[in-house]
């Protein structure tokens, strides 16, 4: 009998339930990273090295900064092949081709739902002609989100990319709304352009988090919440995180009063918006963590 030698693979983050094969599969497909991403994640948060022999994880090494902790385990891999995702950034750049804030494109129709008490707000646009985002397979990706409405994650159908539809309106049934908020329908944030940045300098990222959006692999601030596509049942692919950013204040505050979190782009308690997409079904998923 020929035994395969032990080899190492890398995972962004530390929250891994090796006994739950479905969740472990999601982690591998979403958080499996290449070596440069591993070095970045273990510096800014944490990363896990798994040692594999005969399609079984036999040892884990959890890294955080210069600290590491190893454990011998025996966990069968739920899949034997997955892509080592590339981590990259979108960094503020006045000449960039991606934008956060600014006016909603004139040809884009924001969806409406009767029980939605506050409207979707235009967040920004990913230029899918950029090589890093060609896999999205849309002319462009316009991101919208009801930032003043409580929900448990929003699925949108982008089959018509200029006229998306809400798939799970029940997510708004327990929505929070404060009647003192005035002019939410007028909310537009100042425009900031971004460009792709492949330089994973962990110290620069930590010093300038508002200026850099993580792409390719999500950095979770709570436990991982990896979505599956409601059409295909397949794990969705991470696009980017959009950060709360106090520099992106309202373009015009006229007629807007008492916004609950602040007069700038903010998700809950200064949280982050996580954007996922499935290129075959054209389903977009958005949720926040803080």
C-alpha atoms as a PDB file:
ATOM      1  CA  UNK A   1       0.000   0.000   0.000  1.00  0.00           C
ATOM      2  CA  UNK A   2       1.288   3.475  -0.931  1.00  0.00           C
ATOM      3  CA  UNK A   3       0.616   6.266   1.559  1.00  0.00           C
ATOM      4  CA  UNK A   4       0.527   9.874   0.467  1.00  0.00           C
ATOM      5  CA  UNK A   5       2.982  12.110   2.248  1.00  0.00           C
ATOM      6  CA  UNK A   6       1.710  14.780   4.633  1.00  0.00           C
ATOM      7  CA  UNK A   7       1.126  18.140   3.006  1.00  0.00           C
ATOM      8  CA  UNK A   8       0.035  21.553   4.310  1.00  0.00           C
ATOM      9  CA  UNK A   9      -2.843  23.789   3.222  1.00  0.00           C
ATOM     10  CA  UNK A  10      -3.918  27.134   4.630  1.00  0.00           C
ATOM     11  CA  UNK A  11      -7.223  28.558   5.873  1.00  0.00           C
ATOM     12  CA  UNK A  12      -8.040  32.167   6.726  1.00  0.00           C
ATOM     13  CA  UNK A  13      -9.400  32.463  10.260  1.00  0.00           C
ATOM     14  CA  UNK A  14      -9.753  30.113  13.167  1.00  0.00           C
ATOM     15  CA  UNK A  15     -13.452  29.185  13.516  1.00  0.00           C
ATOM     16  CA  UNK A  16     -13.487  25.674  12.042  1.00  0.00           C
ATOM     17  CA  UNK A  17     -15.791  22.846  13.093  1.00  0.00           C
ATOM     18  CA  UNK A  18     -14.025  19.781  11.691  1.00  0.00           C
ATOM     19  CA  UNK A  19     -16.897  17.521  12.774  1.00  0.00           C
ATOM     20  CA  UNK A  20     -19.507  19.379  10.694  1.00  0.00           C
ATOM     21  CA  UNK A  21     -18.691  18.308   7.144  1.00  0.00           C
ATOM     22  CA  UNK A  22     -21.029  20.829   5.490  1.00  0.00           C
ATOM     23  CA  UNK A  23     -19.587  23.793   7.379  1.00  0.00           C
ATOM     24  CA  UNK A  24     -16.027  22.510   6.938  1.00  0.00           C
ATOM     25  CA  UNK A  25     -16.661  22.311   3.192  1.00  0.00           C
ATOM     26  CA  UNK A  26     -17.877  25.930   3.165  1.00  0.00           C
ATOM     27  CA  UNK A  27     -14.735  26.994   5.006  1.00  0.00           C
ATOM     28  CA  UNK A  28     -12.427  25.211   2.566  1.00  0.00           C
ATOM     29  CA  UNK A  29     -14.207  26.648  -0.492  1.00  0.00           C
ATOM     30  CA  UNK A  30     -14.303  30.201   0.898  1.00  0.00           C
ATOM     31  CA  UNK A  31     -11.431  30.538   3.363  1.00  0.00           C
ATOM     32  CA  UNK A  32      -8.856  28.288   1.707  1.00  0.00           C
ATOM     33  CA  UNK A  33      -5.999  30.662   0.861  1.00  0.00           C
ATOM     34  CA  UNK A  34      -2.615  30.726  -0.797  1.00  0.00           C
ATOM     35  CA  UNK A  35       0.601  31.235   1.154  1.00  0.00           C
ATOM     36  CA  UNK A  36       0.762  35.031   0.800  1.00  0.00           C
ATOM     37  CA  UNK A  37      -2.840  35.276   2.025  1.00  0.00           C
ATOM     38  CA  UNK A  38      -1.939  33.022   4.947  1.00  0.00           C
ATOM     39  CA  UNK A  39       0.911  35.346   5.968  1.00  0.00           C
ATOM     40  CA  UNK A  40      -1.427  38.354   5.738  1.00  0.00           C
ATOM     41  CA  UNK A  41      -4.279  36.803   7.719  1.00  0.00           C
ATOM     42  CA  UNK A  42      -2.131  35.467  10.530  1.00  0.00           C
ATOM     43  CA  UNK A  43      -0.737  39.005  10.964  1.00  0.00           C
ATOM     44  CA  UNK A  44      -4.006  40.967  10.923  1.00  0.00           C
ATOM     45  CA  UNK A  45      -6.185  38.372  12.669  1.00  0.00           C
ATOM     46  CA  UNK A  46      -5.527  34.622  12.528  1.00  0.00           C
ATOM     47  CA  UNK A  47      -4.979  31.762  10.108  1.00  0.00           C
ATOM     48  CA  UNK A  48      -4.887  27.994  10.310  1.00  0.00           C
ATOM     49  CA  UNK A  49      -2.437  25.562   8.776  1.00  0.00           C
ATOM     50  CA  UNK A  50      -3.857  22.083   8.310  1.00  0.00           C
ATOM     51  CA  UNK A  51      -1.628  19.050   7.777  1.00  0.00           C
ATOM     52  CA  UNK A  52      -3.230  16.438   5.538  1.00  0.00           C
ATOM     53  CA  UNK A  53      -2.420  12.779   5.017  1.00  0.00           C
ATOM     54  CA  UNK A  54      -4.538  10.341   3.012  1.00  0.00           C
ATOM     55  CA  UNK A  55      -7.379  12.896   2.685  1.00  0.00           C
ATOM     56  CA  UNK A  56      -7.506  13.294   6.460  1.00  0.00           C
ATOM     57  CA  UNK A  57      -6.518  16.302   8.570  1.00  0.00           C
ATOM     58  CA  UNK A  58      -4.040  14.931  11.102  1.00  0.00           C
ATOM     59  CA  UNK A  59      -2.830  18.166  12.680  1.00  0.00           C
ATOM     60  CA  UNK A  60      -3.829  21.827  12.892  1.00  0.00           C
ATOM     61  CA  UNK A  61      -1.645  24.809  13.697  1.00  0.00           C
ATOM     62  CA  UNK A  62      -3.498  28.002  14.593  1.00  0.00           C
ATOM     63  CA  UNK A  63      -1.455  31.154  13.982  1.00  0.00           C
ATOM     64  CA  UNK A  64      -2.083  34.658  15.313  1.00  0.00           C
ATOM     65  CA  UNK A  65       0.765  37.115  15.006  1.00  0.00           C
ATOM     66  CA  UNK A  66       3.875  35.405  16.344  1.00  0.00           C
ATOM     67  CA  UNK A  67       1.835  32.970  18.465  1.00  0.00           C
ATOM     68  CA  UNK A  68       0.898  29.491  17.319  1.00  0.00           C
ATOM     69  CA  UNK A  69      -0.925  26.553  18.840  1.00  0.00           C
ATOM     70  CA  UNK A  70      -0.944  23.045  17.392  1.00  0.00           C
ATOM     71  CA  UNK A  71      -3.289  20.130  17.917  1.00  0.00           C
ATOM     72  CA  UNK A  72      -3.315  16.578  16.610  1.00  0.00           C
ATOM     73  CA  UNK A  73      -6.716  15.619  15.256  1.00  0.00           C
ATOM     74  CA  UNK A  74      -8.304  13.140  12.877  1.00  0.00           C
ATOM     75  CA  UNK A  75     -10.876  14.699  10.580  1.00  0.00           C
ATOM     76  CA  UNK A  76     -11.824  13.419   7.152  1.00  0.00           C
ATOM     77  CA  UNK A  77     -11.826  16.090   4.451  1.00  0.00           C
ATOM     78  CA  UNK A  78     -15.349  16.732   3.080  1.00  0.00           C
ATOM     79  CA  UNK A  79     -13.775  17.523  -0.310  1.00  0.00           C
ATOM     80  CA  UNK A  80     -10.336  16.683  -1.639  1.00  0.00           C
ATOM     81  CA  UNK A  81      -9.895  19.586  -4.057  1.00  0.00           C
ATOM     82  CA  UNK A  82     -10.459  23.309  -3.548  1.00  0.00           C
ATOM     83  CA  UNK A  83      -8.990  26.552  -4.830  1.00  0.00           C
ATOM     84  CA  UNK A  84      -6.435  28.413  -2.732  1.00  0.00           C
ATOM     85  CA  UNK A  85      -8.083  31.838  -2.895  1.00  0.00           C
ATOM     86  CA  UNK A  86      -6.090  34.987  -3.491  1.00  0.00           C
ATOM     87  CA  UNK A  87      -6.423  37.850  -1.015  1.00  0.00           C
ATOM     88  CA  UNK A  88      -6.167  41.362  -2.436  1.00  0.00           C
ATOM     89  CA  UNK A  89      -7.367  44.852  -1.574  1.00  0.00           C
ATOM     90  CA  UNK A  90      -9.318  47.672  -3.100  1.00  0.00           C
ATOM     91  CA  UNK A  91      -7.464  50.809  -1.986  1.00  0.00           C
ATOM     92  CA  UNK A  92      -8.532  54.423  -2.191  1.00  0.00           C
ATOM     93  CA  UNK A  93      -7.235  55.928  -5.409  1.00  0.00           C
ATOM     94  CA  UNK A  94      -8.665  59.012  -7.128  1.00  0.00           C
ATOM     95  CA  UNK A  95      -7.882  57.480 -10.520  1.00  0.00           C
ATOM     96  CA  UNK A  96      -9.322  54.046  -9.663  1.00  0.00           C
ATOM     97  CA  UNK A  97     -12.069  52.312 -11.626  1.00  0.00           C
ATOM     98  CA  UNK A  98     -14.202  51.027  -8.708  1.00  0.00           C
ATOM     99  CA  UNK A  99     -16.270  53.335  -6.541  1.00  0.00           C
ATOM    100  CA  UNK A 100     -17.983  53.517  -3.175  1.00  0.00           C
ATOM    101  CA  UNK A 101     -20.588  56.234  -2.724  1.00  0.00           C
ATOM    102  CA  UNK A 102     -21.648  58.696  -5.392  1.00  0.00           C
ATOM    103  CA  UNK A 103     -24.878  58.803  -7.354  1.00  0.00           C
ATOM    104  CA  UNK A 104     -26.700  55.623  -8.283  1.00  0.00           C
ATOM    105  CA  UNK A 105     -26.293  54.981 -12.044  1.00  0.00           C
ATOM    106  CA  UNK A 106     -29.239  56.406 -13.944  1.00  0.00           C
ATOM    107  CA  UNK A 107     -29.981  53.092 -15.691  1.00  0.00           C
ATOM    108  CA  UNK A 108     -30.071  51.051 -12.454  1.00  0.00           C
ATOM    109  CA  UNK A 109     -33.442  50.408 -10.798  1.00  0.00           C
ATOM    110  CA  UNK A 110     -33.356  49.953  -7.023  1.00  0.00           C
ATOM    111  CA  UNK A 111     -35.847  47.251  -5.902  1.00  0.00           C
ATOM    112  CA  UNK A 112     -38.876  48.011  -3.758  1.00  0.00           C
ATOM    113  CA  UNK A 113     -40.809  45.916  -1.253  1.00  0.00           C
ATOM    114  CA  UNK A 114     -43.985  47.110   0.484  1.00  0.00           C
ATOM    115  CA  UNK A 115     -42.918  45.942   3.962  1.00  0.00           C
ATOM    116  CA  UNK A 116     -39.501  47.552   3.630  1.00  0.00           C
ATOM    117  CA  UNK A 117     -39.815  50.657   5.793  1.00  0.00           C
ATOM    118  CA  UNK A 118     -36.558  52.298   4.687  1.00  0.00           C
ATOM    119  CA  UNK A 119     -35.228  52.019   1.127  1.00  0.00           C
ATOM    120  CA  UNK A 120     -32.162  50.380  -0.305  1.00  0.00           C
ATOM    121  CA  UNK A 121     -29.251  52.822  -0.549  1.00  0.00           C
ATOM    122  CA  UNK A 122     -26.708  52.807  -3.363  1.00  0.00           C
ATOM    123  CA  UNK A 123     -23.358  51.660  -1.935  1.00  0.00           C
ATOM    124  CA  UNK A 124     -21.033  51.504  -4.954  1.00  0.00           C
ATOM    125  CA  UNK A 125     -19.992  49.836  -8.200  1.00  0.00           C
ATOM    126  CA  UNK A 126     -17.434  47.130  -8.962  1.00  0.00           C
ATOM    127  CA  UNK A 127     -15.959  47.440 -12.455  1.00  0.00           C
ATOM    128  CA  UNK A 128     -16.101  43.862 -13.720  1.00  0.00           C
ATOM    129  CA  UNK A 129     -13.802  44.610 -16.659  1.00  0.00           C
ATOM    130  CA  UNK A 130     -11.044  44.516 -14.037  1.00  0.00           C
ATOM    131  CA  UNK A 131      -9.311  41.131 -14.343  1.00  0.00           C
ATOM    132  CA  UNK A 132      -9.785  40.398 -10.623  1.00  0.00           C
ATOM    133  CA  UNK A 133     -13.569  40.583 -11.023  1.00  0.00           C
ATOM    134  CA  UNK A 134     -14.130  39.136 -14.502  1.00  0.00           C
ATOM    135  CA  UNK A 135     -15.558  35.965 -12.918  1.00  0.00           C
ATOM    136  CA  UNK A 136     -18.679  37.929 -11.891  1.00  0.00           C
ATOM    137  CA  UNK A 137     -19.733  37.878 -15.553  1.00  0.00           C
ATOM    138  CA  UNK A 138     -21.905  41.019 -15.459  1.00  0.00           C
ATOM    139  CA  UNK A 139     -21.316  44.311 -17.306  1.00  0.00           C
ATOM    140  CA  UNK A 140     -20.776  45.844 -13.847  1.00  0.00           C
ATOM    141  CA  UNK A 141     -21.858  45.066 -10.292  1.00  0.00           C
ATOM    142  CA  UNK A 142     -23.911  47.821  -8.638  1.00  0.00           C
ATOM    143  CA  UNK A 143     -24.158  47.214  -4.886  1.00  0.00           C
ATOM    144  CA  UNK A 144     -27.186  48.358  -2.894  1.00  0.00           C
ATOM    145  CA  UNK A 145     -28.211  47.705   0.704  1.00  0.00           C
ATOM    146  CA  UNK A 146     -30.932  48.915   3.127  1.00  0.00           C
ATOM    147  CA  UNK A 147     -28.478  50.211   5.701  1.00  0.00           C
ATOM    148  CA  UNK A 148     -31.135  51.587   8.076  1.00  0.00           C
ATOM    149  CA  UNK A 149     -33.241  48.408   8.089  1.00  0.00           C
ATOM    150  CA  UNK A 150     -32.630  45.409  10.351  1.00  0.00           C
ATOM    151  CA  UNK A 151     -32.365  42.134   8.425  1.00  0.00           C
ATOM    152  CA  UNK A 152     -30.697  38.737   8.508  1.00  0.00           C
ATOM    153  CA  UNK A 153     -29.027  38.858   5.122  1.00  0.00           C
ATOM    154  CA  UNK A 154     -30.422  39.869   1.734  1.00  0.00           C
ATOM    155  CA  UNK A 155     -30.439  37.742  -1.439  1.00  0.00           C
ATOM    156  CA  UNK A 156     -30.906  39.639  -4.717  1.00  0.00           C
ATOM    157  CA  UNK A 157     -31.399  38.176  -8.195  1.00  0.00           C
ATOM    158  CA  UNK A 158     -29.224  40.007 -10.732  1.00  0.00           C
ATOM    159  CA  UNK A 159     -30.439  38.055 -13.782  1.00  0.00           C
ATOM    160  CA  UNK A 160     -31.361  41.515 -15.042  1.00  0.00           C
ATOM    161  CA  UNK A 161     -28.328  43.294 -13.641  1.00  0.00           C
ATOM    162  CA  UNK A 162     -29.971  46.723 -13.961  1.00  0.00           C
ATOM    163  CA  UNK A 163     -33.208  45.644 -12.278  1.00  0.00           C
ATOM    164  CA  UNK A 164     -32.437  43.224  -9.395  1.00  0.00           C
ATOM    165  CA  UNK A 165     -35.188  41.447  -7.469  1.00  0.00           C
ATOM    166  CA  UNK A 166     -35.415  40.645  -3.755  1.00  0.00           C
ATOM    167  CA  UNK A 167     -35.499  36.859  -3.254  1.00  0.00           C
ATOM    168  CA  UNK A 168     -36.067  36.671   0.510  1.00  0.00           C
ATOM    169  CA  UNK A 169     -38.352  39.585   1.494  1.00  0.00           C
ATOM    170  CA  UNK A 170     -39.186  37.793   4.752  1.00  0.00           C
ATOM    171  CA  UNK A 171     -35.773  38.957   6.028  1.00  0.00           C
ATOM    172  CA  UNK A 172     -37.423  42.371   6.568  1.00  0.00           C
ATOM    173  CA  UNK A 173     -40.459  41.150   8.515  1.00  0.00           C
ATOM    174  CA  UNK A 174     -38.939  42.040  11.900  1.00  0.00           C
ATOM    175  CA  UNK A 175     -37.406  45.263  10.666  1.00  0.00           C
ATOM    176  CA  UNK A 176     -36.463  48.038  13.028  1.00  0.00           C
ATOM    177  CA  UNK A 177     -37.516  51.550  12.035  1.00  0.00           C
ATOM    178  CA  UNK A 178     -37.490  54.888  13.855  1.00  0.00           C
ATOM    179  CA  UNK A 179     -40.183  57.311  12.664  1.00  0.00           C
ATOM    180  CA  UNK A 180     -37.943  60.259  13.563  1.00  0.00           C
ATOM    181  CA  UNK A 181     -35.688  59.467  10.600  1.00  0.00           C
ATOM    182  CA  UNK A 182     -36.440  61.908   7.805  1.00  0.00           C
ATOM    183  CA  UNK A 183     -35.239  61.908   4.214  1.00  0.00           C
ATOM    184  CA  UNK A 184     -33.677  58.435   4.064  1.00  0.00           C
ATOM    185  CA  UNK A 185     -34.735  58.222   0.413  1.00  0.00           C
ATOM    186  CA  UNK A 186     -32.388  61.153  -0.279  1.00  0.00           C
ATOM    187  CA  UNK A 187     -29.268  59.531   1.198  1.00  0.00           C
ATOM    188  CA  UNK A 188     -26.252  59.687  -1.155  1.00  0.00           C
ATOM    189  CA  UNK A 189     -22.685  59.419   0.096  1.00  0.00           C
ATOM    190  CA  UNK A 190     -19.694  61.264  -1.305  1.00  0.00           C
ATOM    191  CA  UNK A 191     -17.905  59.348  -4.032  1.00  0.00           C
ATOM    192  CA  UNK A 192     -14.564  57.644  -3.428  1.00  0.00           C
ATOM    193  CA  UNK A 193     -12.711  55.759  -6.146  1.00  0.00           C
ATOM    194  CA  UNK A 194     -10.709  52.580  -5.478  1.00  0.00           C
ATOM    195  CA  UNK A 195      -8.231  50.472  -7.432  1.00  0.00           C
ATOM    196  CA  UNK A 196      -6.927  46.922  -7.022  1.00  0.00           C
ATOM    197  CA  UNK A 197      -3.918  46.616  -4.727  1.00  0.00           C
ATOM    198  CA  UNK A 198      -1.958  43.344  -4.610  1.00  0.00           C
ATOM    199  CA  UNK A 199       0.493  44.527  -1.944  1.00  0.00           C
ATOM    200  CA  UNK A 200      -0.523  42.736   1.255  1.00  0.00           C
ATOM    201  CA  UNK A 201       1.236  44.896   3.824  1.00  0.00           C
ATOM    202  CA  UNK A 202      -0.443  43.899   7.084  1.00  0.00           C
ATOM    203  CA  UNK A 203       0.875  46.885   9.040  1.00  0.00           C
ATOM    204  CA  UNK A 204      -0.329  49.350   6.402  1.00  0.00           C
ATOM    205  CA  UNK A 205      -3.709  47.606   6.364  1.00  0.00           C
ATOM    206  CA  UNK A 206      -4.084  47.804  10.141  1.00  0.00           C
ATOM    207  CA  UNK A 207      -3.090  51.490  10.127  1.00  0.00           C
ATOM    208  CA  UNK A 208      -5.450  52.385   7.254  1.00  0.00           C
ATOM    209  CA  UNK A 209      -8.383  49.982   7.418  1.00  0.00           C
ATOM    210  CA  UNK A 210     -10.940  52.519   6.168  1.00  0.00           C
ATOM    211  CA  UNK A 211      -8.818  53.036   3.055  1.00  0.00           C
ATOM    212  CA  UNK A 212      -8.574  49.345   2.125  1.00  0.00           C
ATOM    213  CA  UNK A 213     -11.359  46.884   1.329  1.00  0.00           C
ATOM    214  CA  UNK A 214     -10.527  43.183   1.626  1.00  0.00           C
ATOM    215  CA  UNK A 215     -11.354  41.105  -1.454  1.00  0.00           C
ATOM    216  CA  UNK A 216     -11.090  37.441  -2.391  1.00  0.00           C
ATOM    217  CA  UNK A 217     -11.336  36.005   1.129  1.00  0.00           C
ATOM    218  CA  UNK A 218     -13.492  37.439   3.949  1.00  0.00           C
ATOM    219  CA  UNK A 219     -12.041  38.546   7.257  1.00  0.00           C
ATOM    220  CA  UNK A 220     -14.827  37.828   9.742  1.00  0.00           C
ATOM    221  CA  UNK A 221     -15.305  39.852  12.911  1.00  0.00           C
ATOM    222  CA  UNK A 222     -17.789  37.343  14.296  1.00  0.00           C
ATOM    223  CA  UNK A 223     -18.161  33.657  13.389  1.00  0.00           C
ATOM    224  CA  UNK A 224     -18.106  32.929   9.633  1.00  0.00           C
ATOM    225  CA  UNK A 225     -21.485  33.335   7.905  1.00  0.00           C
ATOM    226  CA  UNK A 226     -20.865  31.805   4.481  1.00  0.00           C
ATOM    227  CA  UNK A 227     -24.008  31.770   2.312  1.00  0.00           C
ATOM    228  CA  UNK A 228     -25.225  29.099  -0.065  1.00  0.00           C
ATOM    229  CA  UNK A 229     -27.070  30.099  -3.211  1.00  0.00           C
ATOM    230  CA  UNK A 230     -30.856  29.650  -2.826  1.00  0.00           C
ATOM    231  CA  UNK A 231     -31.106  28.632  -6.492  1.00  0.00           C
ATOM    232  CA  UNK A 232     -28.234  26.154  -6.817  1.00  0.00           C
ATOM    233  CA  UNK A 233     -27.504  25.141  -3.213  1.00  0.00           C
ATOM    234  CA  UNK A 234     -23.822  25.845  -3.921  1.00  0.00           C
ATOM    235  CA  UNK A 235     -21.435  27.889  -1.806  1.00  0.00           C
ATOM    236  CA  UNK A 236     -21.323  31.498  -2.973  1.00  0.00           C
ATOM    237  CA  UNK A 237     -18.079  33.278  -3.768  1.00  0.00           C
ATOM    238  CA  UNK A 238     -16.820  36.244  -1.786  1.00  0.00           C
ATOM    239  CA  UNK A 239     -16.510  39.531  -3.678  1.00  0.00           C
ATOM    240  CA  UNK A 240     -15.416  42.126  -1.117  1.00  0.00           C
ATOM    241  CA  UNK A 241     -16.056  43.797   2.201  1.00  0.00           C
ATOM    242  CA  UNK A 242     -17.290  47.390   2.247  1.00  0.00           C
ATOM    243  CA  UNK A 243     -16.172  49.155   5.410  1.00  0.00           C
ATOM    244  CA  UNK A 244     -17.938  51.791   7.436  1.00  0.00           C
ATOM    245  CA  UNK A 245     -16.024  54.959   6.552  1.00  0.00           C
ATOM    246  CA  UNK A 246     -16.387  58.263   8.399  1.00  0.00           C
ATOM    247  CA  UNK A 247     -14.739  60.099   5.483  1.00  0.00           C
ATOM    248  CA  UNK A 248     -17.657  59.175   3.198  1.00  0.00           C
ATOM    249  CA  UNK A 249     -20.227  61.548   4.619  1.00  0.00           C
ATOM    250  CA  UNK A 250     -23.495  62.609   3.046  1.00  0.00           C
ATOM    251  CA  UNK A 251     -23.189  64.263  -0.338  1.00  0.00           C
ATOM    252  CA  UNK A 252     -25.998  66.647   0.644  1.00  0.00           C
ATOM    253  CA  UNK A 253     -27.689  66.660   4.062  1.00  0.00           C
ATOM    254  CA  UNK A 254     -30.593  68.843   2.926  1.00  0.00           C
ATOM    255  CA  UNK A 255     -33.875  67.307   4.133  1.00  0.00           C
ATOM    256  CA  UNK A 256     -32.167  64.439   5.985  1.00  0.00           C
ATOM    257  CA  UNK A 257     -32.569  64.376   9.755  1.00  0.00           C
ATOM    258  CA  UNK A 258     -31.573  62.142  12.663  1.00  0.00           C
ATOM    259  CA  UNK A 259     -29.876  59.299  10.829  1.00  0.00           C
ATOM    260  CA  UNK A 260     -29.515  56.595  13.505  1.00  0.00           C
ATOM    261  CA  UNK A 261     -25.799  55.829  13.250  1.00  0.00           C
ATOM    262  CA  UNK A 262     -24.236  58.959  11.796  1.00  0.00           C
ATOM    263  CA  UNK A 263     -24.146  61.193   8.733  1.00  0.00           C
ATOM    264  CA  UNK A 264     -21.653  59.010   6.890  1.00  0.00           C
ATOM    265  CA  UNK A 265     -21.403  55.529   5.372  1.00  0.00           C
ATOM    266  CA  UNK A 266     -21.883  53.263   8.367  1.00  0.00           C
ATOM    267  CA  UNK A 267     -23.244  49.741   8.803  1.00  0.00           C
ATOM    268  CA  UNK A 268     -24.769  49.295  12.246  1.00  0.00           C
ATOM    269  CA  UNK A 269     -22.216  49.829  15.011  1.00  0.00           C
ATOM    270  CA  UNK A 270     -19.423  50.815  12.587  1.00  0.00           C
ATOM    271  CA  UNK A 271     -19.607  47.374  10.984  1.00  0.00           C
ATOM    272  CA  UNK A 272     -18.758  45.921   7.595  1.00  0.00           C
ATOM    273  CA  UNK A 273     -20.868  44.860   4.638  1.00  0.00           C
ATOM    274  CA  UNK A 274     -19.974  41.411   3.225  1.00  0.00           C
ATOM    275  CA  UNK A 275     -20.722  40.888  -0.473  1.00  0.00           C
ATOM    276  CA  UNK A 276     -21.029  37.409  -2.030  1.00  0.00           C
ATOM    277  CA  UNK A 277     -22.066  36.372  -5.546  1.00  0.00           C
ATOM    278  CA  UNK A 278     -22.824  33.228  -7.563  1.00  0.00           C
ATOM    279  CA  UNK A 279     -21.880  33.810 -11.224  1.00  0.00           C
ATOM    280  CA  UNK A 280     -24.064  31.018 -12.663  1.00  0.00           C
ATOM    281  CA  UNK A 281     -27.311  31.858 -10.864  1.00  0.00           C
ATOM    282  CA  UNK A 282     -26.506  35.607 -10.752  1.00  0.00           C
ATOM    283  CA  UNK A 283     -27.517  35.789  -7.098  1.00  0.00           C
ATOM    284  CA  UNK A 284     -25.967  38.455  -4.858  1.00  0.00           C
ATOM    285  CA  UNK A 285     -25.901  38.135  -1.069  1.00  0.00           C
ATOM    286  CA  UNK A 286     -25.282  40.949   1.397  1.00  0.00           C
ATOM    287  CA  UNK A 287     -24.987  40.924   5.174  1.00  0.00           C
ATOM    288  CA  UNK A 288     -23.219  42.911   7.857  1.00  0.00           C
ATOM    289  CA  UNK A 289     -21.083  42.100  10.869  1.00  0.00           C
ATOM    290  CA  UNK A 290     -19.798  44.436  13.550  1.00  0.00           C
END
